[in-house]
């Protein structure tokens, strides 16, 4: 009997941890810029990576080649960029940009950086994004 209770308790704890983890996926968090630079210096850094900044907002998605949530997030962000003026989406491979991953403290894929028109990070999301979460991120940039 004690073993059965221990198993039930273990299942309950595991389920609770899984539920908390799932609610955090794709959630948009407003951030302080990773670096205190703005203007041309920041825009030039993104341009050097092939990222053309949008007039309203730019979503920079850091992805891995073998990441199913990355593909789902890319579909959501591409659709949003196609539907909204001044919105761009760029996907960067973490393996090809290890220095950027380290500098921006990216811990998981996908990680989506939300950049203002000057290329300054204003928010980020980790994990798969839903269309509603992507629109919430877009709402941060009027």
N, C-alpha and C. Protein backbone atom coordinates (compact mmCIF):
# COMPACT_ATOMS: atom_id res chain seq x y z
N UNK A 1 0.81 -1.20 0.00
CA UNK A 1 0.00 0.00 0.00
C UNK A 1 0.86 1.27 0.00
N UNK A 2 1.94 1.35 0.82
CA UNK A 2 2.76 2.56 0.79
C UNK A 2 3.38 2.80 -0.58
N UNK A 3 3.69 1.71 -1.30
CA UNK A 3 4.27 1.88 -2.64
C UNK A 3 3.26 2.48 -3.60
N UNK A 4 2.01 2.08 -3.47
CA UNK A 4 0.95 2.62 -4.33
C UNK A 4 0.75 4.11 -4.05
N UNK A 5 0.79 4.49 -2.78
CA UNK A 5 0.65 5.90 -2.43
C UNK A 5 1.83 6.72 -2.96
N UNK A 6 3.01 6.15 -2.86
CA UNK A 6 4.20 6.85 -3.37
C UNK A 6 4.10 7.03 -4.88
N UNK A 7 3.60 6.01 -5.57
CA UNK A 7 3.44 6.10 -7.02
C UNK A 7 2.41 7.16 -7.39
N UNK A 8 1.30 7.21 -6.68
CA UNK A 8 0.27 8.22 -6.93
C UNK A 8 0.83 9.62 -6.67
N UNK A 9 1.58 9.77 -5.59
CA UNK A 9 2.18 11.07 -5.28
C UNK A 9 3.18 11.48 -6.36
N UNK A 10 3.98 10.54 -6.81
CA UNK A 10 4.94 10.83 -7.87
C UNK A 10 4.23 11.25 -9.15
N UNK A 11 3.17 10.57 -9.51
CA UNK A 11 2.40 10.94 -10.70
C UNK A 11 1.78 12.33 -10.55
N UNK A 12 1.28 12.65 -9.37
CA UNK A 12 0.67 13.96 -9.14
C UNK A 12 1.71 15.07 -9.26
N UNK A 13 2.87 14.86 -8.68
CA UNK A 13 3.94 15.87 -8.75
C UNK A 13 4.40 16.04 -10.19
N UNK A 14 4.59 14.94 -10.89
CA UNK A 14 5.02 15.00 -12.29
C UNK A 14 4.00 15.73 -13.15
N UNK A 15 2.73 15.46 -12.93
CA UNK A 15 1.67 16.13 -13.67
C UNK A 15 1.67 17.63 -13.38
N UNK A 16 1.84 17.99 -12.13
CA UNK A 16 1.87 19.41 -11.76
C UNK A 16 3.05 20.12 -12.41
N UNK A 17 4.21 19.51 -12.38
CA UNK A 17 5.40 20.11 -13.01
C UNK A 17 5.17 20.27 -14.51
N UNK A 18 4.61 19.25 -15.14
CA UNK A 18 4.31 19.32 -16.57
C UNK A 18 3.32 20.43 -16.90
N UNK A 19 2.32 20.60 -16.07
CA UNK A 19 1.32 21.65 -16.30
C UNK A 19 1.95 23.04 -16.19
N UNK A 20 2.80 23.23 -15.20
CA UNK A 20 3.48 24.53 -15.04
C UNK A 20 4.39 24.78 -16.23
N UNK A 21 5.15 23.79 -16.64
CA UNK A 21 6.06 23.93 -17.78
C UNK A 21 5.28 24.30 -19.04
N UNK A 22 4.15 23.64 -19.26
CA UNK A 22 3.35 23.89 -20.47
C UNK A 22 2.81 25.32 -20.50
N UNK A 23 2.40 25.85 -19.36
CA UNK A 23 1.85 27.21 -19.35
C UNK A 23 2.91 28.26 -19.65
N UNK A 24 4.17 27.93 -19.44
CA UNK A 24 5.25 28.88 -19.69
C UNK A 24 5.71 28.88 -21.14
N UNK A 25 5.33 27.89 -21.93
CA UNK A 25 5.77 27.78 -23.31
C UNK A 25 5.19 28.92 -24.16
N UNK A 26 6.07 29.64 -24.84
CA UNK A 26 5.64 30.69 -25.75
C UNK A 26 5.19 31.97 -25.08
N UNK A 27 5.21 32.02 -23.78
CA UNK A 27 4.76 33.23 -23.08
C UNK A 27 5.73 34.37 -23.36
N UNK A 28 5.17 35.52 -23.70
CA UNK A 28 5.98 36.69 -24.04
C UNK A 28 6.33 37.44 -22.76
N UNK A 29 7.63 37.71 -22.58
CA UNK A 29 8.11 38.46 -21.42
C UNK A 29 8.77 39.73 -21.90
N UNK A 30 8.35 40.85 -21.35
CA UNK A 30 9.01 42.12 -21.67
C UNK A 30 10.38 42.09 -21.03
N UNK A 31 11.39 42.51 -21.78
CA UNK A 31 12.76 42.43 -21.29
C UNK A 31 13.45 43.78 -21.40
N UNK A 32 14.48 43.92 -20.60
CA UNK A 32 15.40 45.04 -20.80
C UNK A 32 16.30 44.63 -21.96
N UNK A 33 16.76 45.57 -22.75
CA UNK A 33 17.64 45.20 -23.86
C UNK A 33 18.86 44.43 -23.37
N UNK A 34 19.25 43.42 -24.14
CA UNK A 34 20.41 42.61 -23.76
C UNK A 34 21.67 43.47 -23.74
N UNK A 35 21.70 44.47 -24.58
CA UNK A 35 22.81 45.42 -24.61
C UNK A 35 22.20 46.81 -24.64
N UNK A 36 22.88 47.76 -24.05
CA UNK A 36 22.31 49.10 -23.91
C UNK A 36 22.50 49.97 -25.15
N UNK A 37 22.79 49.36 -26.28
CA UNK A 37 22.98 50.16 -27.49
C UNK A 37 21.67 50.30 -28.24
N UNK A 38 21.51 51.42 -28.90
CA UNK A 38 20.34 51.64 -29.74
C UNK A 38 20.81 52.30 -31.02
N UNK A 39 19.87 52.50 -31.92
CA UNK A 39 20.18 53.21 -33.16
C UNK A 39 21.03 52.42 -34.13
N UNK A 40 21.86 53.12 -34.90
CA UNK A 40 22.59 52.46 -35.98
C UNK A 40 23.48 51.31 -35.54
N UNK A 41 24.09 51.41 -34.36
CA UNK A 41 24.97 50.32 -33.91
C UNK A 41 24.18 49.02 -33.81
N UNK A 42 22.99 49.07 -33.22
CA UNK A 42 22.17 47.88 -33.08
C UNK A 42 21.63 47.44 -34.43
N UNK A 43 21.14 48.37 -35.22
CA UNK A 43 20.61 48.04 -36.55
C UNK A 43 21.70 47.42 -37.42
N UNK A 44 22.91 47.94 -37.34
CA UNK A 44 24.01 47.40 -38.14
C UNK A 44 24.36 45.97 -37.71
N UNK A 45 24.28 45.70 -36.43
CA UNK A 45 24.57 44.34 -35.96
C UNK A 45 23.56 43.34 -36.53
N UNK A 46 22.30 43.73 -36.52
CA UNK A 46 21.27 42.84 -37.08
C UNK A 46 21.45 42.71 -38.59
N UNK A 47 21.77 43.82 -39.26
CA UNK A 47 21.98 43.77 -40.71
C UNK A 47 23.13 42.84 -41.06
N UNK A 48 24.17 42.82 -40.24
CA UNK A 48 25.31 41.94 -40.49
C UNK A 48 24.91 40.46 -40.41
N UNK A 49 23.83 40.18 -39.70
CA UNK A 49 23.32 38.81 -39.60
C UNK A 49 22.28 38.51 -40.68
N UNK A 50 22.02 39.50 -41.54
CA UNK A 50 21.02 39.31 -42.59
C UNK A 50 19.61 39.59 -42.15
N UNK A 51 19.45 40.28 -41.03
CA UNK A 51 18.13 40.60 -40.50
C UNK A 51 17.77 42.02 -40.90
N UNK A 52 16.76 42.14 -41.76
CA UNK A 52 16.23 43.45 -42.15
C UNK A 52 15.14 43.81 -41.16
N UNK A 53 15.30 44.94 -40.50
CA UNK A 53 14.35 45.35 -39.47
C UNK A 53 13.05 45.85 -40.08
N UNK A 54 11.95 45.47 -39.44
CA UNK A 54 10.64 45.93 -39.88
C UNK A 54 10.36 47.33 -39.39
N UNK A 55 9.45 48.01 -40.07
CA UNK A 55 9.09 49.38 -39.70
C UNK A 55 8.34 49.43 -38.37
N UNK A 56 7.69 48.33 -38.00
CA UNK A 56 6.93 48.29 -36.75
C UNK A 56 7.58 47.35 -35.73
N UNK A 57 7.83 46.13 -36.14
CA UNK A 57 8.41 45.12 -35.24
C UNK A 57 9.11 44.05 -36.07
N UNK A 58 10.13 43.47 -35.48
CA UNK A 58 10.85 42.35 -36.11
C UNK A 58 10.88 41.20 -35.12
N UNK A 59 10.48 40.03 -35.59
CA UNK A 59 10.58 38.80 -34.81
C UNK A 59 11.82 38.06 -35.29
N UNK A 60 12.80 37.90 -34.41
CA UNK A 60 13.99 37.11 -34.73
C UNK A 60 13.86 35.80 -33.96
N UNK A 61 13.72 34.73 -34.71
CA UNK A 61 13.53 33.41 -34.12
C UNK A 61 14.84 32.64 -34.17
N UNK A 62 15.31 32.21 -33.02
CA UNK A 62 16.51 31.39 -32.93
C UNK A 62 16.06 29.94 -32.81
N UNK A 63 16.41 29.15 -33.82
CA UNK A 63 15.90 27.79 -33.95
C UNK A 63 17.02 26.79 -34.15
N UNK A 64 16.66 25.53 -33.97
CA UNK A 64 17.56 24.42 -34.27
C UNK A 64 16.97 23.62 -35.43
N UNK A 65 17.83 22.97 -36.17
CA UNK A 65 17.38 22.22 -37.34
C UNK A 65 16.42 21.10 -36.97
N UNK A 66 16.67 20.43 -35.87
CA UNK A 66 15.82 19.31 -35.46
C UNK A 66 14.93 19.72 -34.28
N UNK A 67 14.02 20.64 -34.55
CA UNK A 67 13.17 21.20 -33.50
C UNK A 67 11.76 21.38 -34.06
N UNK A 68 10.85 20.48 -33.69
CA UNK A 68 9.47 20.57 -34.19
C UNK A 68 8.77 21.85 -33.72
N UNK A 69 8.90 22.26 -32.45
CA UNK A 69 8.26 23.51 -32.03
C UNK A 69 8.79 24.72 -32.80
N UNK A 70 10.05 24.64 -33.26
CA UNK A 70 10.62 25.74 -34.05
C UNK A 70 9.87 25.89 -35.37
N UNK A 71 9.56 24.78 -36.01
CA UNK A 71 8.83 24.84 -37.29
C UNK A 71 7.43 25.38 -37.08
N UNK A 72 6.77 24.97 -36.00
CA UNK A 72 5.42 25.47 -35.72
C UNK A 72 5.45 26.97 -35.44
N UNK A 73 6.42 27.41 -34.67
CA UNK A 73 6.55 28.84 -34.36
C UNK A 73 6.84 29.63 -35.63
N UNK A 74 7.69 29.10 -36.49
CA UNK A 74 8.01 29.79 -37.74
C UNK A 74 6.76 29.98 -38.59
N UNK A 75 5.89 28.96 -38.65
CA UNK A 75 4.64 29.09 -39.42
C UNK A 75 3.77 30.21 -38.86
N UNK A 76 3.65 30.25 -37.53
CA UNK A 76 2.83 31.28 -36.88
C UNK A 76 3.38 32.67 -37.18
N UNK A 77 4.68 32.85 -37.04
CA UNK A 77 5.28 34.17 -37.23
C UNK A 77 5.31 34.59 -38.69
N UNK A 78 5.51 33.64 -39.61
CA UNK A 78 5.45 33.98 -41.04
C UNK A 78 4.05 34.46 -41.42
N UNK A 79 3.03 33.78 -40.91
CA UNK A 79 1.65 34.18 -41.20
C UNK A 79 1.36 35.57 -40.64
N UNK A 80 1.83 35.84 -39.45
CA UNK A 80 1.61 37.16 -38.85
C UNK A 80 2.33 38.25 -39.64
N UNK A 81 3.56 37.98 -40.04
CA UNK A 81 4.33 38.96 -40.82
C UNK A 81 3.67 39.22 -42.17
N UNK A 82 3.08 38.19 -42.76
CA UNK A 82 2.40 38.36 -44.05
C UNK A 82 1.11 39.16 -43.90
N UNK A 83 0.48 39.06 -42.75
CA UNK A 83 -0.82 39.71 -42.54
C UNK A 83 -0.71 41.14 -42.03
N UNK A 84 0.41 41.52 -41.46
CA UNK A 84 0.55 42.84 -40.83
C UNK A 84 1.62 43.67 -41.53
N UNK A 85 1.31 44.93 -41.77
CA UNK A 85 2.29 45.85 -42.36
C UNK A 85 3.39 46.18 -41.35
N UNK A 86 4.61 46.29 -41.84
CA UNK A 86 5.73 46.70 -40.99
C UNK A 86 6.27 45.62 -40.08
N UNK A 87 5.82 44.38 -40.27
CA UNK A 87 6.25 43.27 -39.42
C UNK A 87 7.11 42.32 -40.25
N UNK A 88 8.28 41.97 -39.72
CA UNK A 88 9.14 41.00 -40.40
C UNK A 88 9.48 39.86 -39.45
N UNK A 89 9.81 38.73 -40.06
CA UNK A 89 10.21 37.53 -39.31
C UNK A 89 11.47 36.99 -39.94
N UNK A 90 12.47 36.74 -39.11
CA UNK A 90 13.73 36.15 -39.57
C UNK A 90 14.06 34.99 -38.65
N UNK A 91 14.48 33.89 -39.25
CA UNK A 91 14.84 32.71 -38.48
C UNK A 91 16.35 32.49 -38.59
N UNK A 92 17.01 32.37 -37.45
CA UNK A 92 18.45 32.13 -37.41
C UNK A 92 18.72 30.78 -36.75
N UNK A 93 19.65 30.03 -37.32
CA UNK A 93 20.03 28.72 -36.79
C UNK A 93 21.01 28.92 -35.63
N UNK A 94 20.68 28.33 -34.49
CA UNK A 94 21.55 28.50 -33.32
C UNK A 94 22.94 27.92 -33.55
N UNK A 95 23.03 26.85 -34.32
CA UNK A 95 24.34 26.24 -34.57
C UNK A 95 25.25 27.15 -35.38
N UNK A 96 24.67 27.98 -36.22
CA UNK A 96 25.46 28.89 -37.06
C UNK A 96 25.74 30.22 -36.37
N UNK A 97 25.09 30.46 -35.23
CA UNK A 97 25.23 31.76 -34.54
C UNK A 97 25.47 31.56 -33.05
N UNK A 98 26.45 30.73 -32.72
CA UNK A 98 26.72 30.43 -31.31
C UNK A 98 27.12 31.66 -30.50
N UNK A 99 27.84 32.59 -31.12
CA UNK A 99 28.22 33.81 -30.40
C UNK A 99 26.99 34.63 -30.02
N UNK A 100 26.03 34.72 -30.93
CA UNK A 100 24.79 35.45 -30.66
C UNK A 100 23.99 34.75 -29.56
N UNK A 101 23.91 33.44 -29.63
CA UNK A 101 23.20 32.65 -28.62
C UNK A 101 23.79 32.89 -27.24
N UNK A 102 25.10 32.91 -27.16
CA UNK A 102 25.78 33.16 -25.88
C UNK A 102 25.54 34.58 -25.40
N UNK A 103 25.72 35.55 -26.30
CA UNK A 103 25.57 36.95 -25.91
C UNK A 103 24.15 37.27 -25.45
N UNK A 104 23.15 36.67 -26.10
CA UNK A 104 21.76 36.95 -25.75
C UNK A 104 21.20 35.99 -24.70
N UNK A 105 22.05 35.09 -24.22
CA UNK A 105 21.65 34.13 -23.17
C UNK A 105 20.43 33.30 -23.58
N UNK A 106 20.49 32.75 -24.77
CA UNK A 106 19.42 31.88 -25.26
C UNK A 106 19.65 30.49 -24.69
N UNK A 107 18.64 29.96 -24.00
CA UNK A 107 18.79 28.67 -23.33
C UNK A 107 17.99 27.55 -23.98
N UNK A 108 17.02 27.89 -24.82
CA UNK A 108 16.17 26.88 -25.42
C UNK A 108 15.73 27.33 -26.81
N UNK A 109 15.34 26.37 -27.62
CA UNK A 109 14.78 26.70 -28.92
C UNK A 109 13.35 26.21 -28.98
N UNK A 110 12.48 26.94 -29.63
CA UNK A 110 12.75 28.24 -30.22
C UNK A 110 12.74 29.34 -29.17
N UNK A 111 13.56 30.33 -29.40
CA UNK A 111 13.50 31.58 -28.65
C UNK A 111 13.23 32.67 -29.67
N UNK A 112 12.23 33.48 -29.39
CA UNK A 112 11.85 34.56 -30.30
C UNK A 112 12.15 35.89 -29.62
N UNK A 113 12.97 36.70 -30.29
CA UNK A 113 13.26 38.05 -29.82
C UNK A 113 12.32 39.00 -30.54
N UNK A 114 11.72 39.91 -29.80
CA UNK A 114 10.85 40.92 -30.38
C UNK A 114 11.64 42.22 -30.38
N UNK A 115 11.92 42.73 -31.58
CA UNK A 115 12.75 43.93 -31.73
C UNK A 115 11.91 45.11 -32.18
N UNK A 116 12.23 46.29 -31.65
CA UNK A 116 11.57 47.51 -32.12
C UNK A 116 12.20 47.92 -33.45
N UNK A 117 11.71 48.99 -34.08
CA UNK A 117 12.26 49.39 -35.39
C UNK A 117 13.75 49.74 -35.38
N UNK A 118 14.31 50.03 -34.21
CA UNK A 118 15.74 50.32 -34.10
C UNK A 118 16.58 49.08 -33.84
N UNK A 119 15.94 47.93 -33.70
CA UNK A 119 16.66 46.69 -33.45
C UNK A 119 16.92 46.41 -31.99
N UNK A 120 16.25 47.10 -31.10
CA UNK A 120 16.42 46.90 -29.66
C UNK A 120 15.41 45.86 -29.18
N UNK A 121 15.89 44.88 -28.43
CA UNK A 121 15.01 43.84 -27.90
C UNK A 121 14.07 44.45 -26.87
N UNK A 122 12.76 44.24 -27.09
CA UNK A 122 11.78 44.73 -26.13
C UNK A 122 11.06 43.59 -25.41
N UNK A 123 11.12 42.40 -26.00
CA UNK A 123 10.48 41.24 -25.38
C UNK A 123 11.09 39.98 -25.97
N UNK A 124 10.81 38.86 -25.31
CA UNK A 124 11.23 37.57 -25.86
C UNK A 124 10.28 36.49 -25.37
N UNK A 125 10.26 35.40 -26.12
CA UNK A 125 9.44 34.25 -25.76
C UNK A 125 10.27 32.99 -26.00
N UNK A 126 10.13 32.03 -25.12
CA UNK A 126 10.82 30.75 -25.27
C UNK A 126 9.77 29.66 -25.40
N UNK A 127 10.00 28.76 -26.32
CA UNK A 127 9.04 27.68 -26.56
C UNK A 127 8.12 28.03 -27.71
N UNK A 128 7.29 27.06 -28.08
CA UNK A 128 6.39 27.24 -29.22
C UNK A 128 5.39 28.36 -28.93
N UNK A 129 5.19 29.23 -29.93
CA UNK A 129 4.25 30.35 -29.80
C UNK A 129 2.95 30.02 -30.52
N UNK A 130 1.85 30.39 -29.89
CA UNK A 130 0.55 30.29 -30.53
C UNK A 130 0.29 31.60 -31.27
N UNK A 131 -0.69 31.61 -32.18
CA UNK A 131 -1.03 32.88 -32.83
C UNK A 131 -1.42 33.97 -31.83
N UNK A 132 -2.12 33.60 -30.77
CA UNK A 132 -2.51 34.60 -29.76
C UNK A 132 -1.29 35.18 -29.05
N UNK A 133 -0.31 34.36 -28.76
CA UNK A 133 0.91 34.85 -28.11
C UNK A 133 1.70 35.74 -29.06
N UNK A 134 1.72 35.40 -30.34
CA UNK A 134 2.41 36.24 -31.32
C UNK A 134 1.74 37.60 -31.44
N UNK A 135 0.42 37.61 -31.42
CA UNK A 135 -0.30 38.89 -31.49
C UNK A 135 -0.07 39.72 -30.23
N UNK A 136 0.04 39.06 -29.08
CA UNK A 136 0.34 39.78 -27.83
C UNK A 136 1.72 40.43 -27.93
N UNK A 137 2.67 39.73 -28.52
CA UNK A 137 4.00 40.32 -28.71
C UNK A 137 3.94 41.49 -29.67
N UNK A 138 3.16 41.36 -30.72
CA UNK A 138 3.00 42.44 -31.70
C UNK A 138 2.37 43.68 -31.06
N UNK A 139 1.47 43.47 -30.11
CA UNK A 139 0.80 44.58 -29.45
C UNK A 139 1.76 45.43 -28.62
N UNK A 140 2.94 44.91 -28.32
CA UNK A 140 3.92 45.68 -27.56
C UNK A 140 4.53 46.81 -28.39
N UNK A 141 4.41 46.72 -29.70
CA UNK A 141 4.95 47.74 -30.61
C UNK A 141 3.80 48.38 -31.37
N UNK A 142 3.36 49.55 -30.95
CA UNK A 142 2.22 50.19 -31.63
C UNK A 142 2.50 50.58 -33.06
